[in-house]
């Protein structure tokens, strides 16, 4: 009974710290993110409340320092490799290409928010990642699996990437 109580207590503490990390990422509280990751590096793998990688969430919010800190913690922990969406958020086309060669289905795997890697790359303006994704079979016309139903070009428009949006539309036509 005592052992079960200790396990439950540990789980609840981890959940509290995960919630605290999510909130710190959302607020761009770099000091708190660093402190939480130093005390519990495994927290770098938790997702936001919608299940989206915190690393991706931080990049979409424009919190570059937190993106770098989360990436370093994820790589140091070595518990789970970065996925295609995370590699796009980091702007790492070489690592993305390596991942897609090992796991070709990843090009078609939507994140928890329904966006495909090509949507995320277009939104973030990661042109080199967009190129890798297209070379590996991403469909720029495919709609996001969410209420937005955005294509890659629509995602580029949403991210104010006009030249990339035009290039993606030309590819579809």
C-alpha atoms as a PDB file:
ATOM      1  CA  UNK A   1       0.000   0.000   0.000  1.00  0.00           C
ATOM      2  CA  UNK A   2       2.832   2.395   0.869  1.00  0.00           C
ATOM      3  CA  UNK A   3       4.626   1.632  -2.408  1.00  0.00           C
ATOM      4  CA  UNK A   4       1.461   2.312  -4.383  1.00  0.00           C
ATOM      5  CA  UNK A   5       1.054   5.657  -2.614  1.00  0.00           C
ATOM      6  CA  UNK A   6       4.640   6.607  -3.428  1.00  0.00           C
ATOM      7  CA  UNK A   7       4.125   5.768  -7.092  1.00  0.00           C
ATOM      8  CA  UNK A   8       0.919   7.795  -7.253  1.00  0.00           C
ATOM      9  CA  UNK A   9       2.654  10.712  -5.541  1.00  0.00           C
ATOM     10  CA  UNK A  10       5.507  10.596  -8.044  1.00  0.00           C
ATOM     11  CA  UNK A  11       3.061  10.558 -10.957  1.00  0.00           C
ATOM     12  CA  UNK A  12       1.169  13.544  -9.554  1.00  0.00           C
ATOM     13  CA  UNK A  13       4.397  15.510  -9.016  1.00  0.00           C
ATOM     14  CA  UNK A  14       5.452  14.811 -12.624  1.00  0.00           C
ATOM     15  CA  UNK A  15       2.039  15.947 -13.873  1.00  0.00           C
ATOM     16  CA  UNK A  16       2.337  19.165 -11.845  1.00  0.00           C
ATOM     17  CA  UNK A  17       5.814  19.851 -13.241  1.00  0.00           C
ATOM     18  CA  UNK A  18       4.597  19.104 -16.783  1.00  0.00           C
ATOM     19  CA  UNK A  19       1.779  21.620 -16.339  1.00  0.00           C
ATOM     20  CA  UNK A  20       4.256  24.138 -14.958  1.00  0.00           C
ATOM     21  CA  UNK A  21       6.549  23.590 -17.969  1.00  0.00           C
ATOM     22  CA  UNK A  22       3.669  24.029 -20.416  1.00  0.00           C
ATOM     23  CA  UNK A  23       2.735  27.296 -18.731  1.00  0.00           C
ATOM     24  CA  UNK A  24       6.357  28.521 -18.708  1.00  0.00           C
ATOM     25  CA  UNK A  25       6.696  27.767 -22.439  1.00  0.00           C
ATOM     26  CA  UNK A  26       3.474  29.636 -23.176  1.00  0.00           C
ATOM     27  CA  UNK A  27       4.674  32.679 -21.140  1.00  0.00           C
ATOM     28  CA  UNK A  28       8.198  32.554 -22.649  1.00  0.00           C
ATOM     29  CA  UNK A  29       9.604  32.193 -19.116  1.00  0.00           C
ATOM     30  CA  UNK A  30      13.109  31.048 -20.059  1.00  0.00           C
ATOM     31  CA  UNK A  31      14.423  30.895 -16.507  1.00  0.00           C
ATOM     32  CA  UNK A  32      11.571  28.671 -15.329  1.00  0.00           C
ATOM     33  CA  UNK A  33      11.851  26.392 -18.378  1.00  0.00           C
ATOM     34  CA  UNK A  34      15.580  25.970 -17.726  1.00  0.00           C
ATOM     35  CA  UNK A  35      15.051  25.276 -14.024  1.00  0.00           C
ATOM     36  CA  UNK A  36      12.356  22.686 -14.689  1.00  0.00           C
ATOM     37  CA  UNK A  37      14.433  20.932 -17.355  1.00  0.00           C
ATOM     38  CA  UNK A  38      17.493  20.890 -15.098  1.00  0.00           C
ATOM     39  CA  UNK A  39      15.527  19.229 -12.307  1.00  0.00           C
ATOM     40  CA  UNK A  40      13.607  16.860 -14.601  1.00  0.00           C
ATOM     41  CA  UNK A  41      15.095  16.590 -18.132  1.00  0.00           C
ATOM     42  CA  UNK A  42      12.498  13.999 -19.125  1.00  0.00           C
ATOM     43  CA  UNK A  43       9.895  16.781 -19.120  1.00  0.00           C
ATOM     44  CA  UNK A  44      11.279  17.985 -22.469  1.00  0.00           C
ATOM     45  CA  UNK A  45       9.233  15.227 -24.132  1.00  0.00           C
ATOM     46  CA  UNK A  46       5.824  16.265 -22.791  1.00  0.00           C
ATOM     47  CA  UNK A  47       3.343  17.812 -25.159  1.00  0.00           C
ATOM     48  CA  UNK A  48       1.195  20.872 -24.768  1.00  0.00           C
ATOM     49  CA  UNK A  49      -2.422  20.532 -23.648  1.00  0.00           C
ATOM     50  CA  UNK A  50      -3.442  19.522 -27.187  1.00  0.00           C
ATOM     51  CA  UNK A  51      -0.655  16.938 -27.455  1.00  0.00           C
ATOM     52  CA  UNK A  52       1.586  18.999 -29.741  1.00  0.00           C
ATOM     53  CA  UNK A  53       5.304  18.838 -29.005  1.00  0.00           C
ATOM     54  CA  UNK A  54       6.352  21.671 -26.693  1.00  0.00           C
ATOM     55  CA  UNK A  55       9.333  22.265 -28.959  1.00  0.00           C
ATOM     56  CA  UNK A  56       6.981  22.875 -31.924  1.00  0.00           C
ATOM     57  CA  UNK A  57       4.618  24.913 -29.754  1.00  0.00           C
ATOM     58  CA  UNK A  58       7.488  27.159 -28.637  1.00  0.00           C
ATOM     59  CA  UNK A  59       8.644  27.685 -32.244  1.00  0.00           C
ATOM     60  CA  UNK A  60       5.163  28.573 -33.450  1.00  0.00           C
ATOM     61  CA  UNK A  61       4.945  31.092 -30.595  1.00  0.00           C
ATOM     62  CA  UNK A  62       8.315  32.576 -31.624  1.00  0.00           C
ATOM     63  CA  UNK A  63      10.147  31.591 -28.416  1.00  0.00           C
ATOM     64  CA  UNK A  64      13.519  30.790 -30.023  1.00  0.00           C
ATOM     65  CA  UNK A  65      15.521  30.507 -26.789  1.00  0.00           C
ATOM     66  CA  UNK A  66      13.030  28.009 -25.377  1.00  0.00           C
ATOM     67  CA  UNK A  67      13.081  26.034 -28.632  1.00  0.00           C
ATOM     68  CA  UNK A  68      16.859  25.705 -28.316  1.00  0.00           C
ATOM     69  CA  UNK A  69      16.632  24.719 -24.643  1.00  0.00           C
ATOM     70  CA  UNK A  70      13.966  22.070 -25.272  1.00  0.00           C
ATOM     71  CA  UNK A  71      15.908  20.655 -28.228  1.00  0.00           C
ATOM     72  CA  UNK A  72      19.088  20.407 -26.174  1.00  0.00           C
ATOM     73  CA  UNK A  73      17.229  18.680 -23.343  1.00  0.00           C
ATOM     74  CA  UNK A  74      15.523  16.247 -25.739  1.00  0.00           C
ATOM     75  CA  UNK A  75      18.814  15.345 -27.394  1.00  0.00           C
ATOM     76  CA  UNK A  76      20.623  14.986 -24.054  1.00  0.00           C
ATOM     77  CA  UNK A  77      17.894  12.729 -22.666  1.00  0.00           C
ATOM     78  CA  UNK A  78      18.021  10.562 -25.784  1.00  0.00           C
ATOM     79  CA  UNK A  79      14.684   9.020 -24.824  1.00  0.00           C
ATOM     80  CA  UNK A  80      12.819   9.630 -28.075  1.00  0.00           C
ATOM     81  CA  UNK A  81      14.174  10.833 -31.404  1.00  0.00           C
ATOM     82  CA  UNK A  82      12.897  14.107 -32.780  1.00  0.00           C
ATOM     83  CA  UNK A  83      10.008  13.673 -35.205  1.00  0.00           C
ATOM     84  CA  UNK A  84       9.558  15.361 -38.596  1.00  0.00           C
ATOM     85  CA  UNK A  85       7.506  18.216 -37.161  1.00  0.00           C
ATOM     86  CA  UNK A  86      10.184  18.919 -34.557  1.00  0.00           C
ATOM     87  CA  UNK A  87      12.986  18.827 -37.115  1.00  0.00           C
ATOM     88  CA  UNK A  88      11.024  21.305 -39.225  1.00  0.00           C
ATOM     89  CA  UNK A  89      10.573  23.541 -36.168  1.00  0.00           C
ATOM     90  CA  UNK A  90      14.329  23.420 -35.641  1.00  0.00           C
ATOM     91  CA  UNK A  91      14.997  24.172 -39.315  1.00  0.00           C
ATOM     92  CA  UNK A  92      17.101  21.038 -39.812  1.00  0.00           C
ATOM     93  CA  UNK A  93      16.582  19.859 -43.416  1.00  0.00           C
ATOM     94  CA  UNK A  94      19.527  17.412 -43.400  1.00  0.00           C
ATOM     95  CA  UNK A  95      18.264  15.612 -40.292  1.00  0.00           C
ATOM     96  CA  UNK A  96      14.728  15.760 -41.723  1.00  0.00           C
ATOM     97  CA  UNK A  97      15.860  14.085 -44.949  1.00  0.00           C
ATOM     98  CA  UNK A  98      17.652  11.392 -42.953  1.00  0.00           C
ATOM     99  CA  UNK A  99      14.506  10.737 -40.914  1.00  0.00           C
ATOM    100  CA  UNK A 100      12.300  10.567 -44.011  1.00  0.00           C
ATOM    101  CA  UNK A 101      14.636   8.101 -45.715  1.00  0.00           C
ATOM    102  CA  UNK A 102      14.414   5.858 -42.635  1.00  0.00           C
ATOM    103  CA  UNK A 103      10.661   6.437 -42.145  1.00  0.00           C
ATOM    104  CA  UNK A 104       9.027   7.498 -45.437  1.00  0.00           C
ATOM    105  CA  UNK A 105       5.547   7.501 -43.869  1.00  0.00           C
ATOM    106  CA  UNK A 106       6.577  10.400 -41.607  1.00  0.00           C
ATOM    107  CA  UNK A 107       6.069  12.813 -44.506  1.00  0.00           C
ATOM    108  CA  UNK A 108       2.323  12.041 -44.287  1.00  0.00           C
ATOM    109  CA  UNK A 109       2.047  11.922 -40.472  1.00  0.00           C
ATOM    110  CA  UNK A 110       0.029  14.786 -39.022  1.00  0.00           C
ATOM    111  CA  UNK A 111       0.909  16.338 -35.680  1.00  0.00           C
ATOM    112  CA  UNK A 112      -1.627  16.459 -32.855  1.00  0.00           C
ATOM    113  CA  UNK A 113      -3.012  19.727 -34.255  1.00  0.00           C
ATOM    114  CA  UNK A 114      -3.712  18.144 -37.661  1.00  0.00           C
ATOM    115  CA  UNK A 115      -0.932  19.866 -39.598  1.00  0.00           C
ATOM    116  CA  UNK A 116       1.471  17.852 -41.727  1.00  0.00           C
ATOM    117  CA  UNK A 117       5.196  18.593 -41.701  1.00  0.00           C
ATOM    118  CA  UNK A 118       4.872  20.418 -45.044  1.00  0.00           C
ATOM    119  CA  UNK A 119       2.190  22.695 -43.553  1.00  0.00           C
ATOM    120  CA  UNK A 120       4.394  23.475 -40.554  1.00  0.00           C
ATOM    121  CA  UNK A 121       7.452  24.097 -42.734  1.00  0.00           C
ATOM    122  CA  UNK A 122       5.469  26.423 -45.003  1.00  0.00           C
ATOM    123  CA  UNK A 123       3.975  28.331 -42.060  1.00  0.00           C
ATOM    124  CA  UNK A 124       7.385  28.770 -40.437  1.00  0.00           C
ATOM    125  CA  UNK A 125       9.074  29.704 -43.718  1.00  0.00           C
ATOM    126  CA  UNK A 126      11.497  26.786 -43.538  1.00  0.00           C
ATOM    127  CA  UNK A 127      12.004  26.658 -47.306  1.00  0.00           C
ATOM    128  CA  UNK A 128      14.792  24.055 -47.226  1.00  0.00           C
ATOM    129  CA  UNK A 129      12.561  21.774 -45.154  1.00  0.00           C
ATOM    130  CA  UNK A 130       9.660  22.352 -47.566  1.00  0.00           C
ATOM    131  CA  UNK A 131      11.950  21.293 -50.421  1.00  0.00           C
ATOM    132  CA  UNK A 132      13.010  18.113 -48.606  1.00  0.00           C
ATOM    133  CA  UNK A 133       9.408  17.245 -47.790  1.00  0.00           C
ATOM    134  CA  UNK A 134       8.298  17.772 -51.400  1.00  0.00           C
ATOM    135  CA  UNK A 135      11.221  15.670 -52.670  1.00  0.00           C
ATOM    136  CA  UNK A 136      10.166  12.907 -50.280  1.00  0.00           C
ATOM    137  CA  UNK A 137       6.548  12.869 -51.481  1.00  0.00           C
ATOM    138  CA  UNK A 138       4.658  15.509 -49.495  1.00  0.00           C
ATOM    139  CA  UNK A 139       1.537  16.670 -51.317  1.00  0.00           C
ATOM    140  CA  UNK A 140       1.367  20.489 -51.221  1.00  0.00           C
ATOM    141  CA  UNK A 141      -2.354  20.381 -52.085  1.00  0.00           C
ATOM    142  CA  UNK A 142      -3.310  18.071 -49.212  1.00  0.00           C
ATOM    143  CA  UNK A 143      -5.491  19.800 -46.643  1.00  0.00           C
ATOM    144  CA  UNK A 144      -4.621  19.861 -42.973  1.00  0.00           C
ATOM    145  CA  UNK A 145      -6.601  17.377 -40.892  1.00  0.00           C
ATOM    146  CA  UNK A 146      -8.225  20.097 -38.800  1.00  0.00           C
ATOM    147  CA  UNK A 147     -10.898  22.770 -39.122  1.00  0.00           C
ATOM    148  CA  UNK A 148      -8.558  25.071 -41.068  1.00  0.00           C
ATOM    149  CA  UNK A 149      -8.309  22.646 -44.012  1.00  0.00           C
ATOM    150  CA  UNK A 150      -5.273  24.662 -45.138  1.00  0.00           C
ATOM    151  CA  UNK A 151      -3.028  23.471 -47.932  1.00  0.00           C
ATOM    152  CA  UNK A 152       0.708  24.045 -47.664  1.00  0.00           C
ATOM    153  CA  UNK A 153       0.259  27.291 -49.614  1.00  0.00           C
ATOM    154  CA  UNK A 154      -2.510  28.356 -47.239  1.00  0.00           C
ATOM    155  CA  UNK A 155      -0.190  27.622 -44.326  1.00  0.00           C
ATOM    156  CA  UNK A 156       2.516  29.750 -45.955  1.00  0.00           C
ATOM    157  CA  UNK A 157      -0.053  32.546 -46.342  1.00  0.00           C
ATOM    158  CA  UNK A 158      -0.989  32.222 -42.665  1.00  0.00           C
ATOM    159  CA  UNK A 159       2.685  32.564 -41.773  1.00  0.00           C
ATOM    160  CA  UNK A 160       3.024  35.591 -44.088  1.00  0.00           C
ATOM    161  CA  UNK A 161       5.411  33.760 -46.421  1.00  0.00           C
ATOM    162  CA  UNK A 162       4.116  35.163 -49.713  1.00  0.00           C
ATOM    163  CA  UNK A 163       6.921  33.970 -51.993  1.00  0.00           C
ATOM    164  CA  UNK A 164       6.781  30.454 -50.599  1.00  0.00           C
ATOM    165  CA  UNK A 165       2.974  30.422 -50.911  1.00  0.00           C
ATOM    166  CA  UNK A 166       3.232  31.471 -54.566  1.00  0.00           C
ATOM    167  CA  UNK A 167       5.843  28.806 -55.238  1.00  0.00           C
ATOM    168  CA  UNK A 168       3.653  26.118 -53.650  1.00  0.00           C
ATOM    169  CA  UNK A 169       0.597  27.236 -55.623  1.00  0.00           C
ATOM    170  CA  UNK A 170       2.611  27.115 -58.866  1.00  0.00           C
ATOM    171  CA  UNK A 171       3.634  23.564 -58.041  1.00  0.00           C
ATOM    172  CA  UNK A 172      -0.005  22.512 -57.634  1.00  0.00           C
ATOM    173  CA  UNK A 173      -1.182  24.176 -60.857  1.00  0.00           C
END
